[in-house]
Protein backbone atom coordinates (compact mmCIF):
# COMPACT_ATOMS: atom_id res chain seq x y z
CA MET A 1 -44.30 20.18 42.96
CA ALA A 2 -41.33 21.66 41.09
CA LYS A 3 -41.68 25.30 40.06
CA HIS A 4 -40.47 26.35 36.63
CA GLY A 5 -38.76 29.64 35.89
CA LYS A 6 -40.11 32.54 33.86
CA LYS A 7 -38.25 31.51 30.70
CA TYR A 8 -39.69 28.01 30.83
CA ARG A 9 -43.20 29.36 31.38
CA ASN A 10 -42.83 31.79 28.48
CA ILE A 11 -41.72 29.02 26.13
CA LYS A 12 -44.57 26.80 27.26
CA SER A 13 -47.07 29.58 26.59
CA LYS A 14 -45.77 29.85 23.00
CA ALA A 15 -46.00 26.12 22.29
CA ASP A 16 -48.74 25.56 19.75
CA PRO A 17 -50.96 22.68 20.91
CA LYS A 18 -51.36 21.78 17.23
CA ILE A 19 -47.69 20.79 17.05
CA ASN A 20 -47.80 17.01 17.19
CA ASP A 21 -45.25 15.93 14.63
CA LEU A 22 -41.58 15.15 15.20
CA ALA A 23 -40.16 17.75 12.80
CA GLY A 24 -42.41 20.48 14.23
CA ALA A 25 -41.47 19.65 17.82
CA ILE A 26 -37.75 19.73 17.04
CA ALA A 27 -38.07 23.00 15.12
CA PHE A 28 -39.94 24.65 18.00
CA LEU A 29 -37.42 23.52 20.64
CA LYS A 30 -34.46 24.64 18.51
CA ALA A 31 -36.06 28.05 17.93
CA ASN A 32 -36.85 28.52 21.64
CA PRO A 33 -33.78 27.51 23.67
CA ALA A 34 -34.26 27.29 27.43
CA ALA A 35 -30.55 27.41 28.34
CA LYS A 36 -27.32 28.99 27.12
CA PHE A 37 -25.47 25.67 26.87
CA ASP A 38 -25.86 23.11 24.11
CA GLU A 39 -28.84 21.18 25.46
CA THR A 40 -29.36 17.48 24.80
CA PHE A 41 -32.47 16.38 22.91
CA ASP A 42 -34.36 13.47 24.54
CA ILE A 43 -37.27 11.36 23.40
CA ALA A 44 -39.38 9.66 26.06
CA PHE A 45 -41.92 6.87 25.71
CA ARG A 46 -44.73 5.62 27.94
CA LEU A 47 -45.14 1.97 27.00
CA GLY A 48 -48.17 -0.26 27.17
CA VAL A 49 -46.50 -3.11 29.01
CA ASP A 50 -47.00 -4.94 32.28
CA PHE A 51 -43.74 -3.77 33.82
CA LYS A 52 -44.14 -6.26 36.68
CA GLN A 53 -43.60 -9.12 34.22
CA SER A 54 -39.93 -9.86 33.54
CA GLU A 55 -40.67 -11.07 30.00
CA GLN A 56 -42.10 -7.64 29.16
CA VAL A 57 -38.98 -5.66 30.07
CA VAL A 58 -37.97 -3.53 27.08
CA ARG A 59 -34.28 -2.93 26.37
CA GLY A 60 -31.99 -2.74 23.40
CA THR A 61 -29.59 -0.56 21.46
CA VAL A 62 -29.87 1.82 18.53
CA SER A 63 -27.19 3.26 16.26
CA LEU A 64 -27.89 6.95 15.72
CA PRO A 65 -27.13 7.93 12.11
CA HIS A 66 -25.53 11.20 13.19
CA GLY A 67 -24.14 10.24 16.60
CA THR A 68 -25.03 11.73 19.98
CA GLY A 69 -22.75 14.77 19.98
CA LYS A 70 -21.30 13.47 23.23
CA ASN A 71 -17.89 12.02 24.02
CA VAL A 72 -18.89 8.52 25.14
CA ARG A 73 -16.55 7.04 27.76
CA VAL A 74 -16.26 3.33 27.05
CA LEU A 75 -14.93 0.84 29.59
CA VAL A 76 -13.90 -2.66 28.54
CA PHE A 77 -13.40 -5.72 30.74
CA ALA A 78 -10.97 -7.94 28.85
CA THR A 79 -7.50 -9.46 28.90
CA GLY A 80 -4.87 -10.47 26.35
CA PRO A 81 -5.55 -9.87 22.64
CA GLN A 82 -9.09 -8.63 23.34
CA ALA A 83 -7.74 -5.97 25.70
CA ASP A 84 -5.23 -4.96 23.02
CA ALA A 85 -8.08 -4.72 20.48
CA ALA A 86 -10.07 -2.51 22.86
CA ARG A 87 -7.14 -0.11 23.27
CA ALA A 88 -6.58 -0.01 19.51
CA ALA A 89 -10.27 0.88 19.06
CA ALA A 90 -9.85 3.84 21.46
CA ALA A 91 -11.64 2.45 24.52
CA ASP A 92 -11.20 4.87 27.43
CA PHE A 93 -10.62 2.27 30.15
CA VAL A 94 -9.40 -1.30 29.66
CA GLY A 95 -8.76 -3.88 32.35
CA TYR A 96 -10.18 -6.83 34.19
CA GLU A 97 -9.88 -7.63 37.89
CA ASP A 98 -8.35 -4.22 38.55
CA LEU A 99 -11.43 -2.49 37.08
CA VAL A 100 -13.78 -4.83 38.94
CA ALA A 101 -12.11 -3.87 42.23
CA LYS A 102 -12.16 -0.17 41.32
CA ILE A 103 -15.90 -0.23 40.61
CA GLN A 104 -16.57 -2.15 43.82
CA GLY A 105 -14.79 0.72 45.54
CA GLY A 106 -17.32 3.23 44.17
CA TRP A 107 -15.77 4.46 40.92
CA SER A 108 -18.19 4.94 38.01
CA ASP A 109 -16.82 7.61 35.63
CA PHE A 110 -17.84 5.90 32.38
CA ASP A 111 -20.90 5.72 30.13
CA ILE A 112 -20.77 2.23 28.61
CA ALA A 113 -19.35 -1.03 29.96
CA ILE A 114 -18.41 -3.82 27.53
CA ALA A 115 -17.13 -7.26 28.53
CA SER A 116 -15.65 -10.20 26.69
CA THR A 117 -17.45 -13.49 27.23
CA ASP A 118 -14.62 -14.84 29.39
CA ALA A 119 -14.47 -11.69 31.52
CA MET A 120 -18.07 -12.10 32.64
CA ARG A 121 -16.88 -14.63 35.22
CA GLU A 122 -15.69 -11.71 37.34
CA VAL A 123 -17.94 -8.98 35.97
CA ARG A 124 -21.04 -10.81 37.30
CA LYS A 125 -19.93 -9.70 40.77
CA LEU A 126 -20.77 -6.12 39.80
CA GLY A 127 -24.52 -6.61 39.41
CA LYS A 128 -25.43 -4.50 42.44
CA PHE A 129 -23.05 -1.75 41.34
CA LEU A 130 -23.79 -1.57 37.60
CA GLY A 131 -27.34 -2.93 37.46
CA PRO A 132 -29.12 0.05 39.07
CA ARG A 133 -27.36 2.41 36.61
CA GLY A 134 -28.21 0.28 33.58
CA LEU A 135 -24.51 -0.32 32.91
CA MET A 136 -24.29 -4.08 33.44
CA PRO A 137 -22.93 -5.76 30.27
CA ASN A 138 -25.58 -7.87 28.57
CA PRO A 139 -25.53 -9.95 25.36
CA LYS A 140 -28.94 -8.50 24.38
CA THR A 141 -27.45 -5.02 24.08
CA GLY A 142 -24.23 -6.11 22.42
CA THR A 143 -22.12 -5.28 25.47
CA VAL A 144 -21.09 -8.89 26.09
CA THR A 145 -19.19 -9.87 22.98
CA ASP A 146 -15.96 -11.24 21.63
CA ASP A 147 -15.92 -8.62 18.88
CA ILE A 148 -14.58 -6.07 21.33
CA ALA A 149 -13.15 -3.68 18.76
CA GLY A 150 -16.39 -3.61 16.78
CA ALA A 151 -18.47 -2.91 19.89
CA VAL A 152 -16.17 -0.09 21.05
CA LYS A 153 -16.28 1.58 17.64
CA GLN A 154 -20.09 1.33 17.44
CA PHE A 155 -20.66 2.90 20.85
CA LYS A 156 -18.09 5.59 20.20
CA ALA A 157 -19.79 6.38 16.89
CA GLY A 158 -23.25 6.87 18.37
CA ARG A 159 -24.76 3.55 19.36
CA VAL A 160 -26.81 4.03 22.54
CA GLU A 161 -28.56 1.66 24.91
CA PHE A 162 -32.13 2.06 26.09
CA ARG A 163 -33.88 0.34 28.95
CA MET A 164 -37.36 0.59 30.42
CA ASP A 165 -37.57 1.85 34.01
CA ARG A 166 -39.73 0.21 36.66
CA HIS A 167 -42.75 2.29 35.63
CA GLY A 168 -42.76 1.34 31.96
CA ASN A 169 -40.96 4.44 30.66
CA VAL A 170 -38.02 4.70 28.27
CA MET A 171 -36.00 7.86 27.65
CA VAL A 172 -33.24 8.09 25.04
CA PRO A 173 -30.94 11.03 24.20
CA PHE A 174 -30.67 11.56 20.44
CA GLY A 175 -28.49 14.61 19.81
CA LYS A 176 -27.62 18.18 20.70
CA ARG A 177 -29.46 21.43 20.03
CA SER A 178 -26.55 22.48 17.81
CA PHE A 179 -27.34 19.62 15.40
CA GLU A 180 -29.11 20.52 12.18
CA ALA A 181 -32.83 19.79 12.41
CA PRO A 182 -32.85 17.05 9.70
CA LYS A 183 -30.12 15.17 11.58
CA LEU A 184 -32.14 15.32 14.79
CA VAL A 185 -35.19 14.03 12.92
CA ASP A 186 -33.15 11.13 11.50
CA ASN A 187 -31.79 10.23 14.93
CA ALA A 188 -35.19 10.42 16.62
CA ASN A 189 -36.81 8.25 13.95
CA ALA A 190 -34.05 5.67 14.46
CA VAL A 191 -34.91 5.59 18.18
CA ILE A 192 -38.66 5.30 17.54
CA ASN A 193 -38.08 2.40 15.15
CA ALA A 194 -35.73 0.63 17.58
CA VAL A 195 -38.10 0.95 20.53
CA SER A 196 -41.01 -0.26 18.39
CA ALA A 197 -38.95 -3.25 17.25
CA ALA A 198 -38.15 -4.13 20.88
CA ARG A 199 -41.80 -4.77 21.67
CA PRO A 200 -42.15 -7.99 23.70
CA SER A 201 -44.30 -10.61 21.97
CA SER A 202 -46.49 -11.01 25.08
CA THR A 203 -47.73 -7.41 25.16
CA LYS A 204 -51.31 -6.59 24.16
CA GLY A 205 -52.96 -3.43 22.90
CA VAL A 206 -51.18 -0.19 22.00
CA PHE A 207 -47.45 -0.45 22.66
CA ILE A 208 -46.31 3.20 22.51
CA LYS A 209 -48.97 5.04 24.50
CA ARG A 210 -47.22 8.40 24.66
CA CYS A 211 -44.14 9.95 23.10
CA VAL A 212 -42.60 13.28 24.16
CA VAL A 213 -39.64 15.22 22.75
CA SER A 214 -37.78 17.67 24.97
CA THR A 215 -34.37 19.17 25.71
CA THR A 216 -32.43 19.30 28.97
CA MET A 217 -34.13 22.38 30.41
CA ASN A 218 -37.07 22.84 28.05
CA VAL A 219 -40.73 21.91 27.81
CA GLY A 220 -41.87 18.55 26.52
CA ILE A 221 -43.77 18.38 23.22
CA GLN A 222 -45.97 15.33 22.76
CA ILE A 223 -45.80 13.89 19.27
CA ALA A 224 -47.97 11.41 17.42
CA VAL A 225 -46.52 7.95 16.80
CA ALA A 226 -48.36 5.42 14.69
CA ALA A 227 -50.32 3.12 17.00
CA GLN A 228 -49.15 -0.47 17.00
CA GLU A 229 -51.69 -2.87 18.44
CA ALA A 230 -51.56 -6.59 19.06
């Protein structure tokens, strides 16, 4: 079992068990930093799904109203005019077969991968490389598209992907500790709404079973989310 340091334990001892709302959790974590650097705020969900059923996999994207506070490195698989559009939209890496070969060789210094529809002929070969990291382009998340410029701009501006892990959990970053509290609240609510909207139609009972807000090095504060039953 991991052992936490004195600072972490001190913060945990100060956490009021009555704090169960989003604004209160964010205010507490901002007022009690656990690290000297600008920590990332995360929101994590335990979902009421049968994660062994493929039709109950939860994934999607959400546009954060105030961005992530992070420089998102966007890679685009495209050729011709679509590659030109990607460069004009400030994509960090643009290419096609050259990038496919580079990734097959072990390179992975990017955060989002976008592909044109035509490029997917080659990009499909990267399933075993990008799939485990949740980076495989997919039409459901808007990362397979022919509106390359629009997709690049959205992800650069603060659109983030989320995907359930094999245990039915989803964790999404939604800002930095340096953000003003109201902006963090706005971003977190956008994530909660997006995850709720991604509920598979075949799920039964309470969908969001548990929701916890934390920062990179800090304690997790469980917050109340309106129960949604089916």
